[in-house]
Amino acid sequence: MLRPDADPGEGDMRRVVGLAVIGSLLATVLAGCANPAGVDGSLTDDWKAQPEATSFVPESGVCHLSLPDGQLISRAQYNPLDCGVDHHYETVHIGQFTGSEKDAAGPPEKGSPGARKAFDECNTKVSEYLGGDWRGGRLDLFIYYPAKEAWEGGSRWFRCDLAEVQSLDDNAKISRRSGNLKDILKASFPMAYGCFRAILSSDKKDITAMNPVTCETAHGAEFAGVWTAPESSYADFEKNTQRAHDACRSIVAKWAKVPSDSNLRYRTGTIIYFPDEEEWADGDRGVQCFMWISDQDLRRSMKGAGPGALRIR
């Protein structure tokens, strides 16, 4: 259930957001026998040196039809595809743990410093790749680590994958697609979030769905941007979502080119979507901000519209 902030006539919903080891050589000691002609008695000096064992590292720029449950991947589970064929996930970036995260006994657990480090780097890299914040469109970020055996064998990578989701309200359904996602958010609807018709509950106190529409179609909500919440516990954030609404109202003001002053609350309401508790623990602080007008059907985008369009009510 999504609860909006009071809009100017009067939001929140969480985004429900192997190593092959080379064995040691066993030497047999031969004693009491003479060497045949042409044999020097050394078992190793004529052998080519064996290559050093290397840990499994996945590639970026490849895609995947499916992935194992959880966040750990072994070489046996790695089946990359060309992104030109149908797939669900695209690997955008491969990072490497360093420092104390590299020295950890195993892959990062939820909420650990390693998980936070991986999220921060993936968050930056995938947004650069997309041409905008990944939370600004029908996309979700997935982060994977080496399986425990691979970690013990020396693997220290983390993998940043993107997937197209079916809707803002249901990011659990992954869409099958072909082609990569490079710069996809530089384009507009249908991948990048735009305008929405908000569906209200029978008592008019909650929003039950956000249905995407073209901005020329009657609507009352529009995506304005992402606010990065400050560090706090998840419980503290949930206790004070009004702070997020206030911050998002300022995001809307800049986006719509209207004054961010005491009258702003009479121009626009807000709807917010924010990370769930597990996503928050791993470092996601991105709050999706939507402008919301409940007493008027808009038929144009309010981006850059100015005070005359987003008027005081």
C-alpha atoms as a PDB file:
ATOM      1  CA  MET A   1       0.000   0.000   0.000  1.00  0.00           C
ATOM      2  CA  LEU A   2       1.283   3.412  -0.915  1.00  0.00           C
ATOM      3  CA  ARG A   3       0.428   6.486   1.134  1.00  0.00           C
ATOM      4  CA  PRO A   4       0.992   9.889  -0.467  1.00  0.00           C
ATOM      5  CA  ASP A   5       1.886  13.113   1.238  1.00  0.00           C
ATOM      6  CA  ALA A   6      -0.893  15.660   1.495  1.00  0.00           C
ATOM      7  CA  ASP A   7      -1.275  17.305  -1.867  1.00  0.00           C
ATOM      8  CA  PRO A   8      -2.264  20.928  -2.479  1.00  0.00           C
ATOM      9  CA  GLY A   9      -5.966  20.061  -2.809  1.00  0.00           C
ATOM     10  CA  GLU A  10      -4.545  17.202   0.311  1.00  0.00           C
ATOM     11  CA  GLY A  11       3.394   8.576  -0.240  1.00  0.00           C
ATOM     12  CA  ASP A  12       5.079   5.869   0.644  1.00  0.00           C
ATOM     13  CA  MET A  13       5.765   2.454  -0.755  1.00  0.00           C
ATOM     14  CA  ARG A  14       8.844   0.341  -0.600  1.00  0.00           C
ATOM     15  CA  ARG A  15      10.278  -0.974  -3.815  1.00  0.00           C
ATOM     16  CA  VAL A  16       9.236  -4.444  -3.403  1.00  0.00           C
ATOM     17  CA  VAL A  17      12.220  -2.650  -3.954  1.00  0.00           C
ATOM     18  CA  GLY A  18      34.920 -22.457  -8.554  1.00  0.00           C
ATOM     19  CA  LEU A  19      38.401 -22.901  -8.586  1.00  0.00           C
ATOM     20  CA  ALA A  20      40.164 -25.976  -9.981  1.00  0.00           C
ATOM     21  CA  VAL A  21      43.160 -26.544  -7.730  1.00  0.00           C
ATOM     22  CA  ILE A  22      46.196 -28.254  -9.202  1.00  0.00           C
ATOM     23  CA  GLY A  23      47.163 -31.242  -7.087  1.00  0.00           C
ATOM     24  CA  SER A  24      50.675 -31.661  -5.681  1.00  0.00           C
ATOM     25  CA  LEU A  25      53.107 -33.978  -7.439  1.00  0.00           C
ATOM     26  CA  LEU A  26      53.785 -37.191  -5.593  1.00  0.00           C
ATOM     27  CA  ALA A  27      57.386 -38.320  -6.115  1.00  0.00           C
ATOM     28  CA  THR A  28      58.386 -41.987  -5.928  1.00  0.00           C
ATOM     29  CA  VAL A  29      61.825 -42.645  -4.495  1.00  0.00           C
ATOM     30  CA  LEU A  30      63.733 -45.231  -6.490  1.00  0.00           C
ATOM     31  CA  ALA A  31      66.743 -46.765  -4.825  1.00  0.00           C
ATOM     32  CA  GLY A  32      69.208 -49.568  -5.584  1.00  0.00           C
ATOM     33  CA  CYS A  33      68.752 -49.527  -9.366  1.00  0.00           C
ATOM     34  CA  ALA A  34      70.971 -48.048 -12.052  1.00  0.00           C
ATOM     35  CA  ASN A  35      69.423 -45.603 -14.513  1.00  0.00           C
ATOM     36  CA  PRO A  36      68.890 -46.901 -18.071  1.00  0.00           C
ATOM     37  CA  ALA A  37      70.899 -45.235 -20.837  1.00  0.00           C
ATOM     38  CA  GLY A  38      69.620 -41.764 -21.669  1.00  0.00           C
ATOM     39  CA  VAL A  39      67.794 -41.341 -18.365  1.00  0.00           C
ATOM     40  CA  ASP A  40      69.257 -38.775 -15.984  1.00  0.00           C
ATOM     41  CA  GLY A  41      67.275 -39.743 -12.916  1.00  0.00           C
ATOM     42  CA  SER A  42      65.399 -36.453 -12.549  1.00  0.00           C
ATOM     43  CA  LEU A  43      61.618 -36.695 -12.718  1.00  0.00           C
ATOM     44  CA  THR A  44      60.947 -33.005 -13.211  1.00  0.00           C
ATOM     45  CA  ASP A  45      63.623 -31.189 -15.155  1.00  0.00           C
ATOM     46  CA  ASP A  46      62.221 -32.114 -18.585  1.00  0.00           C
ATOM     47  CA  TRP A  47      58.597 -31.220 -17.728  1.00  0.00           C
ATOM     48  CA  LYS A  48      57.048 -27.926 -18.757  1.00  0.00           C
ATOM     49  CA  ALA A  49      55.993 -25.756 -15.849  1.00  0.00           C
ATOM     50  CA  GLN A  50      52.262 -26.002 -15.098  1.00  0.00           C
ATOM     51  CA  PRO A  51      50.307 -22.738 -15.382  1.00  0.00           C
ATOM     52  CA  GLU A  52      49.363 -21.080 -12.120  1.00  0.00           C
ATOM     53  CA  ALA A  53      45.812 -21.761 -10.966  1.00  0.00           C
ATOM     54  CA  THR A  54      43.586 -18.731 -11.487  1.00  0.00           C
ATOM     55  CA  SER A  55      40.299 -17.891  -9.790  1.00  0.00           C
ATOM     56  CA  PHE A  56      37.060 -17.542 -11.750  1.00  0.00           C
ATOM     57  CA  VAL A  57      36.187 -13.972 -12.788  1.00  0.00           C
ATOM     58  CA  PRO A  58      32.985 -13.219 -14.767  1.00  0.00           C
ATOM     59  CA  GLU A  59      32.837 -10.730 -17.650  1.00  0.00           C
ATOM     60  CA  SER A  60      30.970  -7.485 -18.109  1.00  0.00           C
ATOM     61  CA  GLY A  61      29.096  -6.751 -21.326  1.00  0.00           C
ATOM     62  CA  VAL A  62      27.378 -10.141 -21.385  1.00  0.00           C
ATOM     63  CA  CYS A  63      23.834 -11.206 -20.599  1.00  0.00           C
ATOM     64  CA  HIS A  64      22.073 -14.102 -18.854  1.00  0.00           C
ATOM     65  CA  LEU A  65      18.786 -15.886 -19.302  1.00  0.00           C
ATOM     66  CA  SER A  66      18.535 -16.917 -15.664  1.00  0.00           C
ATOM     67  CA  LEU A  67      20.467 -16.776 -12.429  1.00  0.00           C
ATOM     68  CA  PRO A  68      20.683 -19.004  -9.348  1.00  0.00           C
ATOM     69  CA  ASP A  69      18.767 -18.201  -6.207  1.00  0.00           C
ATOM     70  CA  GLY A  70      20.652 -15.998  -3.786  1.00  0.00           C
ATOM     71  CA  GLN A  71      23.664 -13.837  -4.528  1.00  0.00           C
ATOM     72  CA  LEU A  72      26.476 -16.395  -4.868  1.00  0.00           C
ATOM     73  CA  ILE A  73      27.663 -17.705  -8.235  1.00  0.00           C
ATOM     74  CA  SER A  74      30.154 -20.458  -9.074  1.00  0.00           C
ATOM     75  CA  ARG A  75      31.872 -21.161 -12.386  1.00  0.00           C
ATOM     76  CA  ALA A  76      29.490 -24.090 -12.972  1.00  0.00           C
ATOM     77  CA  GLN A  77      26.511 -21.702 -12.772  1.00  0.00           C
ATOM     78  CA  TYR A  78      28.013 -19.183 -15.182  1.00  0.00           C
ATOM     79  CA  ASN A  79      26.385 -19.303 -18.628  1.00  0.00           C
ATOM     80  CA  PRO A  80      26.779 -15.925 -20.368  1.00  0.00           C
ATOM     81  CA  LEU A  81      24.928 -15.010 -23.566  1.00  0.00           C
ATOM     82  CA  ASP A  82      25.349 -12.414 -26.264  1.00  0.00           C
ATOM     83  CA  CYS A  83      23.041  -9.527 -25.359  1.00  0.00           C
ATOM     84  CA  GLY A  84      21.575  -9.599 -28.858  1.00  0.00           C
ATOM     85  CA  VAL A  85      19.585 -12.732 -27.979  1.00  0.00           C
ATOM     86  CA  ASP A  86      16.713 -12.977 -25.525  1.00  0.00           C
ATOM     87  CA  HIS A  87      17.812 -12.624 -21.900  1.00  0.00           C
ATOM     88  CA  HIS A  88      16.734 -11.306 -18.528  1.00  0.00           C
ATOM     89  CA  TYR A  89      19.909  -9.897 -16.936  1.00  0.00           C
ATOM     90  CA  GLU A  90      22.803  -7.817 -18.244  1.00  0.00           C
ATOM     91  CA  THR A  91      26.190  -7.628 -16.507  1.00  0.00           C
ATOM     92  CA  VAL A  92      27.274  -4.001 -16.628  1.00  0.00           C
ATOM     93  CA  HIS A  93      30.302  -3.912 -14.321  1.00  0.00           C
ATOM     94  CA  ILE A  94      32.715  -6.209 -12.469  1.00  0.00           C
ATOM     95  CA  GLY A  95      34.325  -4.737  -9.361  1.00  0.00           C
ATOM     96  CA  GLN A  96      37.019  -6.052  -7.045  1.00  0.00           C
ATOM     97  CA  PHE A  97      37.078  -6.029  -3.265  1.00  0.00           C
ATOM     98  CA  THR A  98      40.160  -4.485  -1.689  1.00  0.00           C
ATOM     99  CA  GLY A  99      41.408  -3.766   1.814  1.00  0.00           C
ATOM    100  CA  SER A 100      39.529  -5.256   4.741  1.00  0.00           C
ATOM    101  CA  GLU A 101      36.692  -6.426   2.469  1.00  0.00           C
ATOM    102  CA  LYS A 102      39.211  -8.479   0.482  1.00  0.00           C
ATOM    103  CA  ASP A 103      40.481 -10.106   3.684  1.00  0.00           C
ATOM    104  CA  ALA A 104      37.026 -11.213   4.868  1.00  0.00           C
ATOM    105  CA  ALA A 105      36.555 -14.907   5.593  1.00  0.00           C
ATOM    106  CA  GLY A 106      33.729 -15.264   3.077  1.00  0.00           C
ATOM    107  CA  PRO A 107      31.487 -13.401   0.629  1.00  0.00           C
ATOM    108  CA  PRO A 108      29.697 -10.332   2.026  1.00  0.00           C
ATOM    109  CA  GLU A 109      26.574 -10.823   4.083  1.00  0.00           C
ATOM    110  CA  LYS A 110      23.581  -8.516   4.095  1.00  0.00           C
ATOM    111  CA  GLY A 111      24.407  -5.161   5.638  1.00  0.00           C
ATOM    112  CA  SER A 112      28.159  -5.825   5.828  1.00  0.00           C
ATOM    113  CA  PRO A 113      30.803  -3.238   4.824  1.00  0.00           C
ATOM    114  CA  GLY A 114      31.541  -5.371   1.760  1.00  0.00           C
ATOM    115  CA  ALA A 115      27.916  -5.290   0.655  1.00  0.00           C
ATOM    116  CA  ARG A 116      27.836  -1.507   1.160  1.00  0.00           C
ATOM    117  CA  LYS A 117      31.027  -1.092  -0.866  1.00  0.00           C
ATOM    118  CA  ALA A 118      29.679  -3.220  -3.700  1.00  0.00           C
ATOM    119  CA  PHE A 119      26.380  -1.330  -3.785  1.00  0.00           C
ATOM    120  CA  ASP A 120      28.064   2.079  -3.878  1.00  0.00           C
ATOM    121  CA  GLU A 121      30.261   1.124  -6.830  1.00  0.00           C
ATOM    122  CA  CYS A 122      27.496  -0.677  -8.716  1.00  0.00           C
ATOM    123  CA  ASN A 123      25.111   2.214  -8.122  1.00  0.00           C
ATOM    124  CA  THR A 124      27.576   4.632  -9.741  1.00  0.00           C
ATOM    125  CA  LYS A 125      28.633   2.405 -12.624  1.00  0.00           C
ATOM    126  CA  VAL A 126      25.182   1.301 -13.760  1.00  0.00           C
ATOM    127  CA  SER A 127      23.805   4.853 -13.643  1.00  0.00           C
ATOM    128  CA  GLU A 128      26.708   6.030 -15.805  1.00  0.00           C
ATOM    129  CA  TYR A 129      25.972   3.198 -18.232  1.00  0.00           C
ATOM    130  CA  LEU A 130      22.253   3.959 -18.416  1.00  0.00           C
ATOM    131  CA  GLY A 131      22.620   7.712 -18.816  1.00  0.00           C
ATOM    132  CA  GLY A 132      20.673   8.413 -15.616  1.00  0.00           C
ATOM    133  CA  ASP A 133      19.913   7.071 -12.150  1.00  0.00           C
ATOM    134  CA  TRP A 134      18.763   3.451 -12.556  1.00  0.00           C
ATOM    135  CA  ARG A 135      15.872   4.167 -10.189  1.00  0.00           C
ATOM    136  CA  GLY A 136      14.504   6.573 -12.790  1.00  0.00           C
ATOM    137  CA  GLY A 137      13.111   3.795 -14.952  1.00  0.00           C
ATOM    138  CA  ARG A 138      11.703   0.274 -15.070  1.00  0.00           C
ATOM    139  CA  LEU A 139      14.991  -1.237 -13.944  1.00  0.00           C
ATOM    140  CA  ASP A 140      16.383  -3.090 -10.980  1.00  0.00           C
ATOM    141  CA  LEU A 141      19.935  -3.633  -9.785  1.00  0.00           C
ATOM    142  CA  PHE A 142      21.231  -7.073  -8.796  1.00  0.00           C
ATOM    143  CA  ILE A 143      24.615  -7.666  -7.157  1.00  0.00           C
ATOM    144  CA  TYR A 144      26.349 -11.052  -7.086  1.00  0.00           C
ATOM    145  CA  TYR A 145      29.438 -12.447  -5.334  1.00  0.00           C
ATOM    146  CA  PRO A 146      31.648 -15.532  -5.763  1.00  0.00           C
ATOM    147  CA  ALA A 147      30.347 -18.766  -4.256  1.00  0.00           C
ATOM    148  CA  LYS A 148      32.011 -19.685  -0.960  1.00  0.00           C
ATOM    149  CA  GLU A 149      34.355 -22.203  -2.594  1.00  0.00           C
ATOM    150  CA  ALA A 150      35.435 -19.631  -5.181  1.00  0.00           C
ATOM    151  CA  TRP A 151      35.992 -17.053  -2.443  1.00  0.00           C
ATOM    152  CA  GLU A 152      38.170 -19.514  -0.556  1.00  0.00           C
ATOM    153  CA  GLY A 153      40.074 -20.074  -3.817  1.00  0.00           C
ATOM    154  CA  GLY A 154      40.870 -16.361  -4.131  1.00  0.00           C
ATOM    155  CA  SER A 155      37.961 -14.818  -6.047  1.00  0.00           C
ATOM    156  CA  ARG A 156      37.209 -11.296  -4.798  1.00  0.00           C
ATOM    157  CA  TRP A 157      34.920  -9.887  -7.469  1.00  0.00           C
ATOM    158  CA  PHE A 158      31.401  -8.539  -7.307  1.00  0.00           C
ATOM    159  CA  ARG A 159      29.107  -8.351 -10.280  1.00  0.00           C
ATOM    160  CA  CYS A 160      26.615  -5.580 -11.097  1.00  0.00           C
ATOM    161  CA  ASP A 161      23.636  -6.730 -13.173  1.00  0.00           C
ATOM    162  CA  LEU A 162      20.623  -4.831 -14.487  1.00  0.00           C
ATOM    163  CA  ALA A 163      17.213  -6.161 -15.437  1.00  0.00           C
ATOM    164  CA  GLU A 164      14.109  -4.594 -16.925  1.00  0.00           C
ATOM    165  CA  VAL A 165      11.104  -4.927 -14.614  1.00  0.00           C
ATOM    166  CA  GLN A 166       7.497  -4.904 -15.722  1.00  0.00           C
ATOM    167  CA  SER A 167       6.237  -1.988 -13.659  1.00  0.00           C
ATOM    168  CA  LEU A 168       6.932   0.511 -10.898  1.00  0.00           C
ATOM    169  CA  ASP A 169       4.605  -1.370  -8.568  1.00  0.00           C
ATOM    170  CA  ASP A 170       5.947  -4.847  -9.320  1.00  0.00           C
ATOM    171  CA  ASN A 171       9.720  -5.082  -9.623  1.00  0.00           C
ATOM    172  CA  ALA A 172       9.599  -8.823  -8.888  1.00  0.00           C
ATOM    173  CA  LYS A 173       8.585  -9.602 -12.488  1.00  0.00           C
ATOM    174  CA  ILE A 174      11.621  -9.474 -14.770  1.00  0.00           C
ATOM    175  CA  SER A 175      10.990  -8.797 -18.458  1.00  0.00           C
ATOM    176  CA  ARG A 176      12.654 -10.822 -21.189  1.00  0.00           C
ATOM    177  CA  ARG A 177      14.403  -8.576 -23.689  1.00  0.00           C
ATOM    178  CA  SER A 178      17.101  -8.407 -26.371  1.00  0.00           C
ATOM    179  CA  GLY A 179      19.722  -5.702 -26.836  1.00  0.00           C
ATOM    180  CA  ASN A 180      21.770  -3.963 -24.195  1.00  0.00           C
ATOM    181  CA  LEU A 181      20.626  -1.147 -21.914  1.00  0.00           C
ATOM    182  CA  LYS A 182      23.357   1.353 -22.773  1.00  0.00           C
ATOM    183  CA  ASP A 183      22.022   4.948 -22.460  1.00  0.00           C
ATOM    184  CA  ILE A 184      18.444   3.651 -22.245  1.00  0.00           C
ATOM    185  CA  LEU A 185      17.464   6.372 -19.749  1.00  0.00           C
ATOM    186  CA  LYS A 186      18.492   9.136 -22.140  1.00  0.00           C
ATOM    187  CA  ALA A 187      15.314   8.249 -23.976  1.00  0.00           C
ATOM    188  CA  SER A 188      11.890   8.770 -22.404  1.00  0.00           C
ATOM    189  CA  PHE A 189       8.768   6.619 -21.925  1.00  0.00           C
ATOM    190  CA  PRO A 190       8.304   3.638 -21.894  1.00  0.00           C
ATOM    191  CA  MET A 191      11.575   2.690 -20.098  1.00  0.00           C
ATOM    192  CA  ALA A 192      12.230   5.938 -18.226  1.00  0.00           C
ATOM    193  CA  TYR A 193       9.532   6.890 -15.738  1.00  0.00           C
ATOM    194  CA  GLY A 194       7.279   9.714 -16.851  1.00  0.00           C
ATOM    195  CA  CYS A 195       3.607  10.355 -16.160  1.00  0.00           C
ATOM    196  CA  PHE A 196       1.224   8.170 -14.137  1.00  0.00           C
ATOM    197  CA  ARG A 197      -2.430   7.920 -13.295  1.00  0.00           C
ATOM    198  CA  ALA A 198      -2.563   7.255  -9.564  1.00  0.00           C
ATOM    199  CA  ILE A 199      -5.327   4.841  -8.484  1.00  0.00           C
ATOM    200  CA  LEU A 200      -6.813   5.736  -5.101  1.00  0.00           C
ATOM    201  CA  SER A 201      -8.296   3.432  -2.494  1.00  0.00           C
ATOM    202  CA  SER A 202     -12.020   3.657  -1.799  1.00  0.00           C
ATOM    203  CA  ASP A 203     -11.444   5.940   1.220  1.00  0.00           C
ATOM    204  CA  LYS A 204      -9.173   8.192  -0.861  1.00  0.00           C
ATOM    205  CA  LYS A 205      -6.397   7.902   1.749  1.00  0.00           C
ATOM    206  CA  ASP A 206      -4.064   5.560  -0.083  1.00  0.00           C
ATOM    207  CA  ILE A 207      -2.749   4.989  -3.573  1.00  0.00           C
ATOM    208  CA  THR A 208      -3.123   1.379  -4.612  1.00  0.00           C
ATOM    209  CA  ALA A 209      -1.367   1.550  -7.995  1.00  0.00           C
ATOM    210  CA  MET A 210       0.559   3.850 -10.289  1.00  0.00           C
ATOM    211  CA  ASN A 211      -0.423   3.210 -13.903  1.00  0.00           C
ATOM    212  CA  PRO A 212       1.978   4.652 -16.501  1.00  0.00           C
ATOM    213  CA  VAL A 213       0.450   6.783 -19.258  1.00  0.00           C
ATOM    214  CA  THR A 214       1.744   9.166 -21.886  1.00  0.00           C
ATOM    215  CA  CYS A 215       1.867  12.717 -20.575  1.00  0.00           C
ATOM    216  CA  GLU A 216      -0.772  13.789 -23.122  1.00  0.00           C
ATOM    217  CA  THR A 217      -3.219  11.414 -21.408  1.00  0.00           C
ATOM    218  CA  ALA A 218      -5.073  12.619 -18.295  1.00  0.00           C
ATOM    219  CA  HIS A 219      -2.894  12.024 -15.229  1.00  0.00           C
ATOM    220  CA  GLY A 220      -1.967  13.517 -11.862  1.00  0.00           C
ATOM    221  CA  ALA A 221       1.507  12.167 -11.054  1.00  0.00           C
ATOM    222  CA  GLU A 222       4.909  12.408 -12.717  1.00  0.00           C
ATOM    223  CA  PHE A 223       8.391  11.204 -11.834  1.00  0.00           C
ATOM    224  CA  ALA A 224      10.655  14.114 -10.871  1.00  0.00           C
ATOM    225  CA  GLY A 225      13.914  12.564  -9.616  1.00  0.00           C
ATOM    226  CA  VAL A 226      15.709  10.685  -6.850  1.00  0.00           C
ATOM    227  CA  TRP A 227      16.567  12.033  -3.409  1.00  0.00           C
ATOM    228  CA  THR A 228      19.441  10.413  -1.521  1.00  0.00           C
ATOM    229  CA  ALA A 229      18.454  10.064   2.119  1.00  0.00           C
ATOM    230  CA  PRO A 230      21.090  10.680   4.812  1.00  0.00           C
ATOM    231  CA  GLU A 231      22.539   7.903   6.930  1.00  0.00           C
ATOM    232  CA  SER A 232      20.137   6.627   9.574  1.00  0.00           C
ATOM    233  CA  SER A 233      18.617   3.387  10.752  1.00  0.00           C
ATOM    234  CA  TYR A 234      15.757   2.056   8.697  1.00  0.00           C
ATOM    235  CA  ALA A 235      13.449   2.376  11.679  1.00  0.00           C
ATOM    236  CA  ASP A 236      14.307   6.068  12.017  1.00  0.00           C
ATOM    237  CA  PHE A 237      13.670   6.627   8.323  1.00  0.00           C
ATOM    238  CA  GLU A 238      10.253   4.985   8.507  1.00  0.00           C
ATOM    239  CA  LYS A 239       9.328   7.058  11.561  1.00  0.00           C
ATOM    240  CA  ASN A 240       9.949  10.270   9.656  1.00  0.00           C
ATOM    241  CA  THR A 241       8.946   9.799   6.044  1.00  0.00           C
ATOM    242  CA  GLN A 242       7.677  13.380   6.086  1.00  0.00           C
ATOM    243  CA  ARG A 243      11.320  14.449   5.822  1.00  0.00           C
ATOM    244  CA  ALA A 244      11.532  12.445   2.593  1.00  0.00           C
ATOM    245  CA  HIS A 245       8.351  14.071   1.293  1.00  0.00           C
ATOM    246  CA  ASP A 246       9.727  17.529   2.091  1.00  0.00           C
ATOM    247  CA  ALA A 247      13.007  16.729   0.360  1.00  0.00           C
ATOM    248  CA  CYS A 248      11.167  15.328  -2.646  1.00  0.00           C
ATOM    249  CA  ARG A 249       9.065  18.480  -2.861  1.00  0.00           C
ATOM    250  CA  SER A 250      12.326  20.397  -3.303  1.00  0.00           C
ATOM    251  CA  ILE A 251      13.341  17.894  -6.002  1.00  0.00           C
ATOM    252  CA  VAL A 252      10.023  18.618  -7.736  1.00  0.00           C
ATOM    253  CA  ALA A 253      10.569  22.388  -7.466  1.00  0.00           C
ATOM    254  CA  LYS A 254      13.936  22.215  -9.224  1.00  0.00           C
ATOM    255  CA  TRP A 255      12.594  19.805 -11.832  1.00  0.00           C
ATOM    256  CA  ALA A 256       9.476  21.886 -12.566  1.00  0.00           C
ATOM    257  CA  LYS A 257      11.321  25.211 -12.284  1.00  0.00           C
ATOM    258  CA  VAL A 258       9.146  26.705  -9.554  1.00  0.00           C
ATOM    259  CA  PRO A 259      10.286  28.485  -6.364  1.00  0.00           C
ATOM    260  CA  SER A 260      11.239  26.225  -3.474  1.00  0.00           C
ATOM    261  CA  ASP A 261       9.558  28.453  -0.889  1.00  0.00           C
ATOM    262  CA  SER A 262       6.759  28.381   1.671  1.00  0.00           C
ATOM    263  CA  ASN A 263       4.168  28.246  -1.105  1.00  0.00           C
ATOM    264  CA  LEU A 264       5.596  25.079  -2.632  1.00  0.00           C
ATOM    265  CA  ARG A 265       3.331  22.831  -0.566  1.00  0.00           C
ATOM    266  CA  TYR A 266       0.335  24.598  -2.119  1.00  0.00           C
ATOM    267  CA  ARG A 267       1.603  23.856  -5.632  1.00  0.00           C
ATOM    268  CA  THR A 268       2.291  20.135  -5.435  1.00  0.00           C
ATOM    269  CA  GLY A 269       1.967  17.012  -3.356  1.00  0.00           C
ATOM    270  CA  THR A 270       4.416  14.128  -3.485  1.00  0.00           C
ATOM    271  CA  ILE A 271       4.413  10.369  -3.771  1.00  0.00           C
ATOM    272  CA  ILE A 272       7.520   8.503  -2.690  1.00  0.00           C
ATOM    273  CA  TYR A 273       8.872   5.004  -3.211  1.00  0.00           C
ATOM    274  CA  PHE A 274      11.807   3.928  -1.084  1.00  0.00           C
ATOM    275  CA  PRO A 275      14.055   0.865  -0.552  1.00  0.00           C
ATOM    276  CA  ASP A 276      12.975  -2.046   1.591  1.00  0.00           C
ATOM    277  CA  GLU A 277      14.874  -2.863   4.773  1.00  0.00           C
ATOM    278  CA  GLU A 278      17.330  -5.296   3.156  1.00  0.00           C
ATOM    279  CA  GLU A 279      18.139  -2.868   0.358  1.00  0.00           C
ATOM    280  CA  TRP A 280      18.612  -0.121   2.941  1.00  0.00           C
ATOM    281  CA  ALA A 281      21.030  -2.319   4.934  1.00  0.00           C
ATOM    282  CA  ASP A 282      23.167  -2.798   1.813  1.00  0.00           C
ATOM    283  CA  GLY A 283      23.416   0.960   1.255  1.00  0.00           C
ATOM    284  CA  ASP A 284      20.526   1.951  -1.017  1.00  0.00           C
ATOM    285  CA  ARG A 285      19.301   5.397   0.107  1.00  0.00           C
ATOM    286  CA  GLY A 286      17.538   6.364  -3.099  1.00  0.00           C
ATOM    287  CA  VAL A 287      14.002   7.703  -2.665  1.00  0.00           C
ATOM    288  CA  GLN A 288      11.997   8.002  -5.888  1.00  0.00           C
ATOM    289  CA  CYS A 289      10.112  11.309  -5.956  1.00  0.00           C
ATOM    290  CA  PHE A 290       6.865  11.903  -7.840  1.00  0.00           C
ATOM    291  CA  MET A 291       4.929  15.143  -8.225  1.00  0.00           C
ATOM    292  CA  TRP A 292       1.253  14.618  -7.439  1.00  0.00           C
ATOM    293  CA  ILE A 293      -1.850  16.711  -8.167  1.00  0.00           C
ATOM    294  CA  SER A 294      -5.159  15.127  -7.143  1.00  0.00           C
ATOM    295  CA  ASP A 295      -7.664  17.829  -8.050  1.00  0.00           C
ATOM    296  CA  GLN A 296      -6.797  18.310 -11.704  1.00  0.00           C
ATOM    297  CA  ASP A 297      -6.198  16.155 -14.771  1.00  0.00           C
ATOM    298  CA  LEU A 298      -2.914  17.183 -16.332  1.00  0.00           C
ATOM    299  CA  ARG A 299      -2.309  16.585 -20.030  1.00  0.00           C
ATOM    300  CA  ARG A 300       1.310  17.619 -20.355  1.00  0.00           C
ATOM    301  CA  SER A 301       4.602  17.072 -18.583  1.00  0.00           C
ATOM    302  CA  MET A 302       5.293  19.442 -15.727  1.00  0.00           C
ATOM    303  CA  LYS A 303       9.063  19.211 -16.251  1.00  0.00           C
ATOM    304  CA  GLY A 304      10.308  22.782 -16.570  1.00  0.00           C
ATOM    305  CA  ALA A 305       6.704  24.022 -16.751  1.00  0.00           C
ATOM    306  CA  GLY A 306       7.210  26.921 -14.313  1.00  0.00           C
ATOM    307  CA  PRO A 307       4.909  28.666 -11.808  1.00  0.00           C
ATOM    308  CA  GLY A 308       2.164  29.395 -14.335  1.00  0.00           C
ATOM    309  CA  ALA A 309       1.569  25.681 -14.968  1.00  0.00           C
ATOM    310  CA  LEU A 310       2.227  24.372 -11.469  1.00  0.00           C
ATOM    311  CA  ARG A 311       0.133  27.055  -9.823  1.00  0.00           C
ATOM    312  CA  ILE A 312      -0.582  27.792  -6.166  1.00  0.00           C
ATOM    313  CA  ARG A 313      -3.915  26.288  -5.046  1.00  0.00           C
END
